[in-house]
């Protein structure tokens, strides 16, 4: 694990940020690159669907089964298949952005 931390492929709890914080960073990094309506849609996906359900989760605790449970919960809570797909895409983007930042 020490080698993974050294190479930036594993973050310990004290360094890892929450999904909510990663979402804020991701949204801020897109602020000037997108149309206003697209930014608003991304913000809604992050705040209403991601943060409200898994925002307190630390990135280093996010697992593939956890993402699958999140997907199932979106569907169970009545989100359409199209919205579920979009929200999962946003989640993947914000996680990738955070990983690039070493969070």
PDB file of N, CA and C in Angstrom:
ATOM      1  N   UNK A   1       0.827  -1.184   0.000  1.00  0.00           N
ATOM      2  CA  UNK A   1       0.000   0.000   0.000  1.00  0.00           C
ATOM      3  C   UNK A   1       0.881   1.260   0.000  1.00  0.00           C
ATOM      4  N   UNK A   2       1.991   1.219   0.698  1.00  0.00           N
ATOM      5  CA  UNK A   2       2.876   2.387   0.731  1.00  0.00           C
ATOM      6  C   UNK A   2       3.352   2.765  -0.672  1.00  0.00           C
ATOM      7  N   UNK A   3       3.630   1.753  -1.473  1.00  0.00           N
ATOM      8  CA  UNK A   3       4.072   2.015  -2.846  1.00  0.00           C
ATOM      9  C   UNK A   3       2.951   2.673  -3.630  1.00  0.00           C
ATOM     10  N   UNK A   4       1.712   2.196  -3.466  1.00  0.00           N
ATOM     11  CA  UNK A   4       0.562   2.797  -4.152  1.00  0.00           C
ATOM     12  C   UNK A   4       0.368   4.245  -3.742  1.00  0.00           C
ATOM     13  N   UNK A   5       0.532   4.544  -2.460  1.00  0.00           N
ATOM     14  CA  UNK A   5       0.399   5.925  -1.979  1.00  0.00           C
ATOM     15  C   UNK A   5       1.494   6.784  -2.595  1.00  0.00           C
ATOM     16  N   UNK A   6       2.723   6.254  -2.606  1.00  0.00           N
ATOM     17  CA  UNK A   6       3.864   6.987  -3.164  1.00  0.00           C
ATOM     18  C   UNK A   6       3.652   7.318  -4.635  1.00  0.00           C
ATOM     19  N   UNK A   7       3.071   6.387  -5.382  1.00  0.00           N
ATOM     20  CA  UNK A   7       2.840   6.588  -6.819  1.00  0.00           C
ATOM     21  C   UNK A   7       1.525   7.287  -7.121  1.00  0.00           C
ATOM     22  N   UNK A   8       0.767   7.601  -6.088  1.00  0.00           N
ATOM     23  CA  UNK A   8      -0.480   8.331  -6.284  1.00  0.00           C
ATOM     24  C   UNK A   8      -1.642   7.492  -6.762  1.00  0.00           C
ATOM     25  N   UNK A   9      -1.527   6.160  -6.632  1.00  0.00           N
ATOM     26  CA  UNK A   9      -2.625   5.295  -7.063  1.00  0.00           C
ATOM     27  C   UNK A   9      -3.522   4.865  -5.912  1.00  0.00           C
ATOM     28  N   UNK A  10      -3.155   5.258  -4.697  1.00  0.00           N
ATOM     29  CA  UNK A  10      -3.986   4.969  -3.528  1.00  0.00           C
ATOM     30  C   UNK A  10      -3.912   6.164  -2.588  1.00  0.00           C
ATOM     31  N   UNK A  11      -5.044   6.581  -2.090  1.00  0.00           N
ATOM     32  CA  UNK A  11      -5.073   7.708  -1.146  1.00  0.00           C
ATOM     33  C   UNK A  11      -5.551   7.206   0.207  1.00  0.00           C
ATOM     34  N   UNK A  12      -4.842   7.575   1.241  1.00  0.00           N
ATOM     35  CA  UNK A  12      -5.254   7.201   2.592  1.00  0.00           C
ATOM     36  C   UNK A  12      -6.418   8.083   3.018  1.00  0.00           C
ATOM     37  N   UNK A  13      -7.140   7.660   4.043  1.00  0.00           N
ATOM     38  CA  UNK A  13      -8.332   8.387   4.499  1.00  0.00           C
ATOM     39  C   UNK A  13      -8.063   9.856   4.804  1.00  0.00           C
ATOM     40  N   UNK A  14      -6.911  10.150   5.388  1.00  0.00           N
ATOM     41  CA  UNK A  14      -6.638  11.528   5.781  1.00  0.00           C
ATOM     42  C   UNK A  14      -6.400  12.433   4.579  1.00  0.00           C
ATOM     43  N   UNK A  15      -6.048  11.862   3.432  1.00  0.00           N
ATOM     44  CA  UNK A  15      -5.771  12.644   2.228  1.00  0.00           C
ATOM     45  C   UNK A  15      -6.977  12.651   1.286  1.00  0.00           C
ATOM     46  N   UNK A  16      -7.734  11.574   1.275  1.00  0.00           N
ATOM     47  CA  UNK A  16      -8.851  11.433   0.353  1.00  0.00           C
ATOM     48  C   UNK A  16      -9.954  12.442   0.655  1.00  0.00           C
ATOM     49  N   UNK A  17     -10.541  12.983  -0.396  1.00  0.00           N
ATOM     50  CA  UNK A  17     -11.638  13.934  -0.238  1.00  0.00           C
ATOM     51  C   UNK A  17     -12.963  13.204  -0.450  1.00  0.00           C
ATOM     52  N   UNK A  18     -14.040  13.872  -0.093  1.00  0.00           N
ATOM     53  CA  UNK A  18     -15.361  13.278  -0.283  1.00  0.00           C
ATOM     54  C   UNK A  18     -15.802  13.433  -1.739  1.00  0.00           C
ATOM     55  N   UNK A  19     -16.799  12.685  -2.097  1.00  0.00           N
ATOM     56  CA  UNK A  19     -17.380  12.807  -3.430  1.00  0.00           C
ATOM     57  C   UNK A  19     -17.974  14.201  -3.602  1.00  0.00           C
ATOM     58  N   UNK A  20     -18.549  14.743  -2.554  1.00  0.00           N
ATOM     59  CA  UNK A  20     -19.090  16.102  -2.631  1.00  0.00           C
ATOM     60  C   UNK A  20     -17.997  17.110  -2.976  1.00  0.00           C
ATOM     61  N   UNK A  21     -16.856  17.032  -2.292  1.00  0.00           N
ATOM     62  CA  UNK A  21     -15.746  17.954  -2.569  1.00  0.00           C
ATOM     63  C   UNK A  21     -15.212  17.743  -3.979  1.00  0.00           C
ATOM     64  N   UNK A  22     -15.118  16.492  -4.399  1.00  0.00           N
ATOM     65  CA  UNK A  22     -14.657  16.204  -5.762  1.00  0.00           C
ATOM     66  C   UNK A  22     -15.627  16.779  -6.787  1.00  0.00           C
ATOM     67  N   UNK A  23     -16.914  16.715  -6.484  1.00  0.00           N
ATOM     68  CA  UNK A  23     -17.924  17.283  -7.381  1.00  0.00           C
ATOM     69  C   UNK A  23     -17.785  18.782  -7.510  1.00  0.00           C
ATOM     70  N   UNK A  24     -17.520  19.461  -6.398  1.00  0.00           N
ATOM     71  CA  UNK A  24     -17.317  20.914  -6.447  1.00  0.00           C
ATOM     72  C   UNK A  24     -16.098  21.266  -7.290  1.00  0.00           C
ATOM     73  N   UNK A  25     -15.001  20.526  -7.102  1.00  0.00           N
ATOM     74  CA  UNK A  25     -13.794  20.773  -7.895  1.00  0.00           C
ATOM     75  C   UNK A  25     -14.051  20.539  -9.379  1.00  0.00           C
ATOM     76  N   UNK A  26     -14.745  19.457  -9.680  1.00  0.00           N
ATOM     77  CA  UNK A  26     -15.038  19.117 -11.072  1.00  0.00           C
ATOM     78  C   UNK A  26     -15.909  20.188 -11.713  1.00  0.00           C
ATOM     79  N   UNK A  27     -16.934  20.627 -11.015  1.00  0.00           N
ATOM     80  CA  UNK A  27     -17.804  21.670 -11.556  1.00  0.00           C
ATOM     81  C   UNK A  27     -17.037  22.975 -11.773  1.00  0.00           C
ATOM     82  N   UNK A  28     -16.194  23.327 -10.819  1.00  0.00           N
ATOM     83  CA  UNK A  28     -15.411  24.565 -10.948  1.00  0.00           C
ATOM     84  C   UNK A  28     -14.456  24.488 -12.144  1.00  0.00           C
ATOM     85  N   UNK A  29     -13.917  23.315 -12.395  1.00  0.00           N
ATOM     86  CA  UNK A  29     -12.977  23.179 -13.515  1.00  0.00           C
ATOM     87  C   UNK A  29     -13.672  23.276 -14.866  1.00  0.00           C
ATOM     88  N   UNK A  30     -14.979  23.084 -14.886  1.00  0.00           N
ATOM     89  CA  UNK A  30     -15.748  23.152 -16.134  1.00  0.00           C
ATOM     90  C   UNK A  30     -16.435  24.497 -16.327  1.00  0.00           C
ATOM     91  N   UNK A  31     -16.315  25.394 -15.366  1.00  0.00           N
ATOM     92  CA  UNK A  31     -17.093  26.636 -15.338  1.00  0.00           C
ATOM     93  C   UNK A  31     -16.963  27.473 -16.602  1.00  0.00           C
ATOM     94  N   UNK A  32     -15.793  27.558 -17.179  1.00  0.00           N
ATOM     95  CA  UNK A  32     -15.591  28.425 -18.337  1.00  0.00           C
ATOM     96  C   UNK A  32     -15.640  27.687 -19.671  1.00  0.00           C
ATOM     97  N   UNK A  33     -15.733  26.373 -19.623  1.00  0.00           N
ATOM     98  CA  UNK A  33     -15.653  25.580 -20.847  1.00  0.00           C
ATOM     99  C   UNK A  33     -17.008  25.215 -21.449  1.00  0.00           C
ATOM    100  N   UNK A  34     -18.083  25.429 -20.707  1.00  0.00           N
ATOM    101  CA  UNK A  34     -19.386  24.927 -21.127  1.00  0.00           C
ATOM    102  C   UNK A  34     -20.423  26.036 -21.217  1.00  0.00           C
ATOM    103  N   UNK A  35     -21.443  25.765 -21.987  1.00  0.00           N
ATOM    104  CA  UNK A  35     -22.595  26.675 -22.041  1.00  0.00           C
ATOM    105  C   UNK A  35     -23.272  26.704 -20.674  1.00  0.00           C
ATOM    106  N   UNK A  36     -23.936  27.807 -20.379  1.00  0.00           N
ATOM    107  CA  UNK A  36     -24.599  27.970 -19.086  1.00  0.00           C
ATOM    108  C   UNK A  36     -25.594  26.851 -18.808  1.00  0.00           C
ATOM    109  N   UNK A  37     -26.373  26.468 -19.797  1.00  0.00           N
ATOM    110  CA  UNK A  37     -27.381  25.421 -19.583  1.00  0.00           C
ATOM    111  C   UNK A  37     -26.732  24.070 -19.287  1.00  0.00           C
ATOM    112  N   UNK A  38     -25.607  23.787 -19.913  1.00  0.00           N
ATOM    113  CA  UNK A  38     -24.894  22.540 -19.655  1.00  0.00           C
ATOM    114  C   UNK A  38     -24.315  22.550 -18.245  1.00  0.00           C
ATOM    115  N   UNK A  39     -23.710  23.672 -17.851  1.00  0.00           N
ATOM    116  CA  UNK A  39     -23.181  23.795 -16.480  1.00  0.00           C
ATOM    117  C   UNK A  39     -24.288  23.575 -15.455  1.00  0.00           C
ATOM    118  N   UNK A  40     -25.456  24.139 -15.717  1.00  0.00           N
ATOM    119  CA  UNK A  40     -26.579  23.990 -14.787  1.00  0.00           C
ATOM    120  C   UNK A  40     -27.036  22.530 -14.713  1.00  0.00           C
ATOM    121  N   UNK A  41     -27.079  21.877 -15.843  1.00  0.00           N
ATOM    122  CA  UNK A  41     -27.466  20.462 -15.841  1.00  0.00           C
ATOM    123  C   UNK A  41     -26.450  19.630 -15.059  1.00  0.00           C
ATOM    124  N   UNK A  42     -25.164  19.876 -15.267  1.00  0.00           N
ATOM    125  CA  UNK A  42     -24.124  19.163 -14.518  1.00  0.00           C
ATOM    126  C   UNK A  42     -24.259  19.434 -13.018  1.00  0.00           C
ATOM    127  N   UNK A  43     -24.500  20.695 -12.655  1.00  0.00           N
ATOM    128  CA  UNK A  43     -24.655  21.048 -11.248  1.00  0.00           C
ATOM    129  C   UNK A  43     -25.816  20.287 -10.626  1.00  0.00           C
ATOM    130  N   UNK A  44     -26.932  20.231 -11.345  1.00  0.00           N
ATOM    131  CA  UNK A  44     -28.093  19.501 -10.836  1.00  0.00           C
ATOM    132  C   UNK A  44     -27.785  18.019 -10.680  1.00  0.00           C
ATOM    133  N   UNK A  45     -27.107  17.442 -11.635  1.00  0.00           N
ATOM    134  CA  UNK A  45     -26.753  16.022 -11.532  1.00  0.00           C
ATOM    135  C   UNK A  45     -25.890  15.772 -10.300  1.00  0.00           C
ATOM    136  N   UNK A  46     -24.914  16.652 -10.093  1.00  0.00           N
ATOM    137  CA  UNK A  46     -24.023  16.480  -8.948  1.00  0.00           C
ATOM    138  C   UNK A  46     -24.773  16.708  -7.637  1.00  0.00           C
ATOM    139  N   UNK A  47     -25.448  17.830  -7.508  1.00  0.00           N
ATOM    140  CA  UNK A  47     -26.070  18.175  -6.233  1.00  0.00           C
ATOM    141  C   UNK A  47     -27.304  17.342  -5.906  1.00  0.00           C
ATOM    142  N   UNK A  48     -28.185  17.165  -6.880  1.00  0.00           N
ATOM    143  CA  UNK A  48     -29.462  16.506  -6.602  1.00  0.00           C
ATOM    144  C   UNK A  48     -29.391  14.985  -6.591  1.00  0.00           C
ATOM    145  N   UNK A  49     -28.457  14.434  -7.336  1.00  0.00           N
ATOM    146  CA  UNK A  49     -28.448  12.986  -7.488  1.00  0.00           C
ATOM    147  C   UNK A  49     -27.212  12.319  -6.891  1.00  0.00           C
ATOM    148  N   UNK A  50     -26.053  12.943  -7.018  1.00  0.00           N
ATOM    149  CA  UNK A  50     -24.825  12.324  -6.507  1.00  0.00           C
ATOM    150  C   UNK A  50     -24.601  12.699  -5.043  1.00  0.00           C
ATOM    151  N   UNK A  51     -24.510  13.987  -4.770  1.00  0.00           N
ATOM    152  CA  UNK A  51     -24.211  14.436  -3.406  1.00  0.00           C
ATOM    153  C   UNK A  51     -25.305  14.016  -2.439  1.00  0.00           C
ATOM    154  N   UNK A  52     -26.540  14.099  -2.873  1.00  0.00           N
ATOM    155  CA  UNK A  52     -27.636  13.761  -1.954  1.00  0.00           C
ATOM    156  C   UNK A  52     -27.611  12.294  -1.529  1.00  0.00           C
ATOM    157  N   UNK A  53     -27.025  11.425  -2.347  1.00  0.00           N
ATOM    158  CA  UNK A  53     -27.022   9.997  -2.020  1.00  0.00           C
ATOM    159  C   UNK A  53     -25.678   9.490  -1.507  1.00  0.00           C
ATOM    160  N   UNK A  54     -24.571   9.954  -2.106  1.00  0.00           N
ATOM    161  CA  UNK A  54     -23.260   9.404  -1.723  1.00  0.00           C
ATOM    162  C   UNK A  54     -22.203  10.494  -1.499  1.00  0.00           C
ATOM    163  N   UNK A  55     -22.622  11.720  -1.334  1.00  0.00           N
ATOM    164  CA  UNK A  55     -21.690  12.837  -1.225  1.00  0.00           C
ATOM    165  C   UNK A  55     -20.710  12.744  -0.076  1.00  0.00           C
ATOM    166  N   UNK A  56     -21.086  12.125   1.026  1.00  0.00           N
ATOM    167  CA  UNK A  56     -20.208  12.044   2.198  1.00  0.00           C
ATOM    168  C   UNK A  56     -19.159  10.941   2.081  1.00  0.00           C
ATOM    169  N   UNK A  57     -19.277  10.100   1.072  1.00  0.00           N
ATOM    170  CA  UNK A  57     -18.341   8.995   0.880  1.00  0.00           C
ATOM    171  C   UNK A  57     -16.982   9.531   0.452  1.00  0.00           C
ATOM    172  N   UNK A  58     -15.934   9.030   1.083  1.00  0.00           N
ATOM    173  CA  UNK A  58     -14.575   9.392   0.666  1.00  0.00           C
ATOM    174  C   UNK A  58     -14.260   8.659  -0.637  1.00  0.00           C
ATOM    175  N   UNK A  59     -13.516   9.321  -1.508  1.00  0.00           N
ATOM    176  CA  UNK A  59     -13.192   8.722  -2.805  1.00  0.00           C
ATOM    177  C   UNK A  59     -12.468   7.393  -2.671  1.00  0.00           C
ATOM    178  N   UNK A  60     -11.591   7.285  -1.688  1.00  0.00           N
ATOM    179  CA  UNK A  60     -10.849   6.033  -1.541  1.00  0.00           C
ATOM    180  C   UNK A  60     -11.722   4.894  -1.018  1.00  0.00           C
ATOM    181  N   UNK A  61     -12.949   5.208  -0.617  1.00  0.00           N
ATOM    182  CA  UNK A  61     -13.885   4.175  -0.155  1.00  0.00           C
ATOM    183  C   UNK A  61     -14.921   3.821  -1.226  1.00  0.00           C
ATOM    184  N   UNK A  62     -14.874   4.505  -2.354  1.00  0.00           N
ATOM    185  CA  UNK A  62     -15.815   4.228  -3.433  1.00  0.00           C
ATOM    186  C   UNK A  62     -15.352   2.971  -4.170  1.00  0.00           C
ATOM    187  N   UNK A  63     -16.209   1.972  -4.205  1.00  0.00           N
ATOM    188  CA  UNK A  63     -15.884   0.697  -4.833  1.00  0.00           C
ATOM    189  C   UNK A  63     -16.839   0.428  -5.988  1.00  0.00           C
ATOM    190  N   UNK A  64     -16.492  -0.514  -6.819  1.00  0.00           N
ATOM    191  CA  UNK A  64     -17.376  -0.893  -7.911  1.00  0.00           C
ATOM    192  C   UNK A  64     -18.726  -1.396  -7.391  1.00  0.00           C
ATOM    193  N   UNK A  65     -18.751  -2.255  -6.355  1.00  0.00           N
ATOM    194  CA  UNK A  65     -20.054  -2.625  -5.794  1.00  0.00           C
ATOM    195  C   UNK A  65     -20.813  -1.409  -5.243  1.00  0.00           C
ATOM    196  N   UNK A  66     -20.096  -0.447  -4.686  1.00  0.00           N
ATOM    197  CA  UNK A  66     -20.742   0.763  -4.189  1.00  0.00           C
ATOM    198  C   UNK A  66     -21.373   1.575  -5.300  1.00  0.00           C
ATOM    199  N   UNK A  67     -20.695   1.650  -6.437  1.00  0.00           N
ATOM    200  CA  UNK A  67     -21.253   2.358  -7.589  1.00  0.00           C
ATOM    201  C   UNK A  67     -22.477   1.614  -8.105  1.00  0.00           C
ATOM    202  N   UNK A  68     -22.416   0.295  -8.120  1.00  0.00           N
ATOM    203  CA  UNK A  68     -23.572  -0.494  -8.564  1.00  0.00           C
ATOM    204  C   UNK A  68     -24.763  -0.288  -7.634  1.00  0.00           C
ATOM    205  N   UNK A  69     -24.497  -0.230  -6.325  1.00  0.00           N
ATOM    206  CA  UNK A  69     -25.572   0.040  -5.361  1.00  0.00           C
ATOM    207  C   UNK A  69     -26.154   1.430  -5.580  1.00  0.00           C
ATOM    208  N   UNK A  70     -25.294   2.402  -5.887  1.00  0.00           N
ATOM    209  CA  UNK A  70     -25.735   3.760  -6.192  1.00  0.00           C
ATOM    210  C   UNK A  70     -26.635   3.747  -7.429  1.00  0.00           C
ATOM    211  N   UNK A  71     -26.236   3.025  -8.446  1.00  0.00           N
ATOM    212  CA  UNK A  71     -27.042   2.909  -9.667  1.00  0.00           C
ATOM    213  C   UNK A  71     -28.404   2.289  -9.353  1.00  0.00           C
ATOM    214  N   UNK A  72     -28.402   1.233  -8.579  1.00  0.00           N
ATOM    215  CA  UNK A  72     -29.659   0.589  -8.201  1.00  0.00           C
ATOM    216  C   UNK A  72     -30.553   1.546  -7.408  1.00  0.00           C
ATOM    217  N   UNK A  73     -29.943   2.311  -6.523  1.00  0.00           N
ATOM    218  CA  UNK A  73     -30.723   3.254  -5.710  1.00  0.00           C
ATOM    219  C   UNK A  73     -31.332   4.357  -6.569  1.00  0.00           C
ATOM    220  N   UNK A  74     -30.575   4.844  -7.551  1.00  0.00           N
ATOM    221  CA  UNK A  74     -31.130   5.840  -8.466  1.00  0.00           C
ATOM    222  C   UNK A  74     -32.388   5.301  -9.130  1.00  0.00           C
ATOM    223  N   UNK A  75     -32.311   4.083  -9.606  1.00  0.00           N
ATOM    224  CA  UNK A  75     -33.469   3.468 -10.281  1.00  0.00           C
ATOM    225  C   UNK A  75     -34.621   3.250  -9.304  1.00  0.00           C
ATOM    226  N   UNK A  76     -34.293   2.738  -8.117  1.00  0.00           N
ATOM    227  CA  UNK A  76     -35.337   2.480  -7.112  1.00  0.00           C
ATOM    228  C   UNK A  76     -36.040   3.763  -6.687  1.00  0.00           C
ATOM    229  N   UNK A  77     -35.305   4.866  -6.679  1.00  0.00           N
ATOM    230  CA  UNK A  77     -35.878   6.157  -6.294  1.00  0.00           C
ATOM    231  C   UNK A  77     -36.640   6.821  -7.433  1.00  0.00           C
ATOM    232  N   UNK A  78     -36.744   6.139  -8.572  1.00  0.00           N
ATOM    233  CA  UNK A  78     -37.593   6.627  -9.650  1.00  0.00           C
ATOM    234  C   UNK A  78     -36.907   7.413 -10.753  1.00  0.00           C
ATOM    235  N   UNK A  79     -35.570   7.447 -10.751  1.00  0.00           N
ATOM    236  CA  UNK A  79     -34.898   8.134 -11.855  1.00  0.00           C
ATOM    237  C   UNK A  79     -35.044   7.306 -13.128  1.00  0.00           C
ATOM    238  N   UNK A  80     -35.188   7.980 -14.242  1.00  0.00           N
ATOM    239  CA  UNK A  80     -35.332   7.291 -15.524  1.00  0.00           C
ATOM    240  C   UNK A  80     -34.011   6.631 -15.903  1.00  0.00           C
ATOM    241  N   UNK A  81     -34.055   5.634 -16.786  1.00  0.00           N
ATOM    242  CA  UNK A  81     -32.803   5.019 -17.259  1.00  0.00           C
ATOM    243  C   UNK A  81     -31.858   6.045 -17.894  1.00  0.00           C
ATOM    244  N   UNK A  82     -32.428   7.004 -18.625  1.00  0.00           N
ATOM    245  CA  UNK A  82     -31.593   8.021 -19.274  1.00  0.00           C
ATOM    246  C   UNK A  82     -30.893   8.899 -18.245  1.00  0.00           C
ATOM    247  N   UNK A  83     -31.637   9.344 -17.219  1.00  0.00           N
ATOM    248  CA  UNK A  83     -31.049  10.176 -16.176  1.00  0.00           C
ATOM    249  C   UNK A  83     -30.019   9.385 -15.386  1.00  0.00           C
ATOM    250  N   UNK A  84     -30.324   8.148 -15.073  1.00  0.00           N
ATOM    251  CA  UNK A  84     -29.378   7.298 -14.350  1.00  0.00           C
ATOM    252  C   UNK A  84     -28.064   7.191 -15.111  1.00  0.00           C
ATOM    253  N   UNK A  85     -28.140   6.986 -16.399  1.00  0.00           N
ATOM    254  CA  UNK A  85     -26.945   6.895 -17.232  1.00  0.00           C
ATOM    255  C   UNK A  85     -26.146   8.199 -17.200  1.00  0.00           C
ATOM    256  N   UNK A  86     -26.819   9.318 -17.321  1.00  0.00           N
ATOM    257  CA  UNK A  86     -26.148  10.624 -17.296  1.00  0.00           C
ATOM    258  C   UNK A  86     -25.482  10.870 -15.947  1.00  0.00           C
ATOM    259  N   UNK A  87     -26.169  10.548 -14.869  1.00  0.00           N
ATOM    260  CA  UNK A  87     -25.621  10.763 -13.531  1.00  0.00           C
ATOM    261  C   UNK A  87     -24.392   9.883 -13.319  1.00  0.00           C
ATOM    262  N   UNK A  88     -24.433   8.648 -13.760  1.00  0.00           N
ATOM    263  CA  UNK A  88     -23.268   7.768 -13.636  1.00  0.00           C
ATOM    264  C   UNK A  88     -22.094   8.281 -14.463  1.00  0.00           C
ATOM    265  N   UNK A  89     -22.389   8.858 -15.616  1.00  0.00           N
ATOM    266  CA  UNK A  89     -21.336   9.451 -16.438  1.00  0.00           C
ATOM    267  C   UNK A  89     -20.697  10.617 -15.706  1.00  0.00           C
ATOM    268  N   UNK A  90     -21.510  11.472 -15.073  1.00  0.00           N
ATOM    269  CA  UNK A  90     -20.981  12.603 -14.306  1.00  0.00           C
ATOM    270  C   UNK A  90     -20.137  12.108 -13.135  1.00  0.00           C
ATOM    271  N   UNK A  91     -20.609  11.059 -12.458  1.00  0.00           N
ATOM    272  CA  UNK A  91     -19.847  10.494 -11.352  1.00  0.00           C
ATOM    273  C   UNK A  91     -18.483  10.014 -11.845  1.00  0.00           C
ATOM    274  N   UNK A  92     -18.463   9.316 -12.954  1.00  0.00           N
ATOM    275  CA  UNK A  92     -17.192   8.848 -13.512  1.00  0.00           C
ATOM    276  C   UNK A  92     -16.265   9.993 -13.855  1.00  0.00           C
ATOM    277  N   UNK A  93     -16.812  11.054 -14.397  1.00  0.00           N
ATOM    278  CA  UNK A  93     -16.001  12.216 -14.763  1.00  0.00           C
ATOM    279  C   UNK A  93     -15.414  12.902 -13.535  1.00  0.00           C
ATOM    280  N   UNK A  94     -16.216  13.062 -12.493  1.00  0.00           N
ATOM    281  CA  UNK A  94     -15.693  13.748 -11.312  1.00  0.00           C
ATOM    282  C   UNK A  94     -14.696  12.890 -10.569  1.00  0.00           C
ATOM    283  N   UNK A  95     -14.870  11.579 -10.580  1.00  0.00           N
ATOM    284  CA  UNK A  95     -13.894  10.683  -9.952  1.00  0.00           C
ATOM    285  C   UNK A  95     -12.579  10.731 -10.734  1.00  0.00           C
ATOM    286  N   UNK A  96     -12.658  10.675 -12.060  1.00  0.00           N
ATOM    287  CA  UNK A  96     -11.437  10.750 -12.876  1.00  0.00           C
ATOM    288  C   UNK A  96     -10.709  12.065 -12.664  1.00  0.00           C
ATOM    289  N   UNK A  97     -11.463  13.163 -12.580  1.00  0.00           N
ATOM    290  CA  UNK A  97     -10.870  14.471 -12.334  1.00  0.00           C
ATOM    291  C   UNK A  97     -10.149  14.488 -10.991  1.00  0.00           C
ATOM    292  N   UNK A  98     -10.786  13.941  -9.977  1.00  0.00           N
ATOM    293  CA  UNK A  98     -10.180  13.910  -8.640  1.00  0.00           C
ATOM    294  C   UNK A  98      -8.923  13.039  -8.630  1.00  0.00           C
ATOM    295  N   UNK A  99      -8.951  11.931  -9.338  1.00  0.00           N
ATOM    296  CA  UNK A  99      -7.774  11.057  -9.404  1.00  0.00           C
ATOM    297  C   UNK A  99      -6.611  11.782 -10.081  1.00  0.00           C
ATOM    298  N   UNK A 100      -6.911  12.545 -11.124  1.00  0.00           N
ATOM    299  CA  UNK A 100      -5.869  13.314 -11.798  1.00  0.00           C
ATOM    300  C   UNK A 100      -5.260  14.350 -10.864  1.00  0.00           C
ATOM    301  N   UNK A 101      -6.040  14.834  -9.930  1.00  0.00           N
ATOM    302  CA  UNK A 101      -5.580  15.826  -8.964  1.00  0.00           C
ATOM    303  C   UNK A 101      -4.853  15.168  -7.779  1.00  0.00           C
ATOM    304  N   UNK A 102      -4.904  13.849  -7.714  1.00  0.00           N
ATOM    305  CA  UNK A 102      -4.262  13.137  -6.610  1.00  0.00           C
ATOM    306  C   UNK A 102      -5.088  13.102  -5.349  1.00  0.00           C
ATOM    307  N   UNK A 103      -6.383  13.368  -5.498  1.00  0.00           N
ATOM    308  CA  UNK A 103      -7.258  13.386  -4.325  1.00  0.00           C
ATOM    309  C   UNK A 103      -7.672  11.994  -4.021  1.00  0.00           C
TER     310      UNK A 103
END
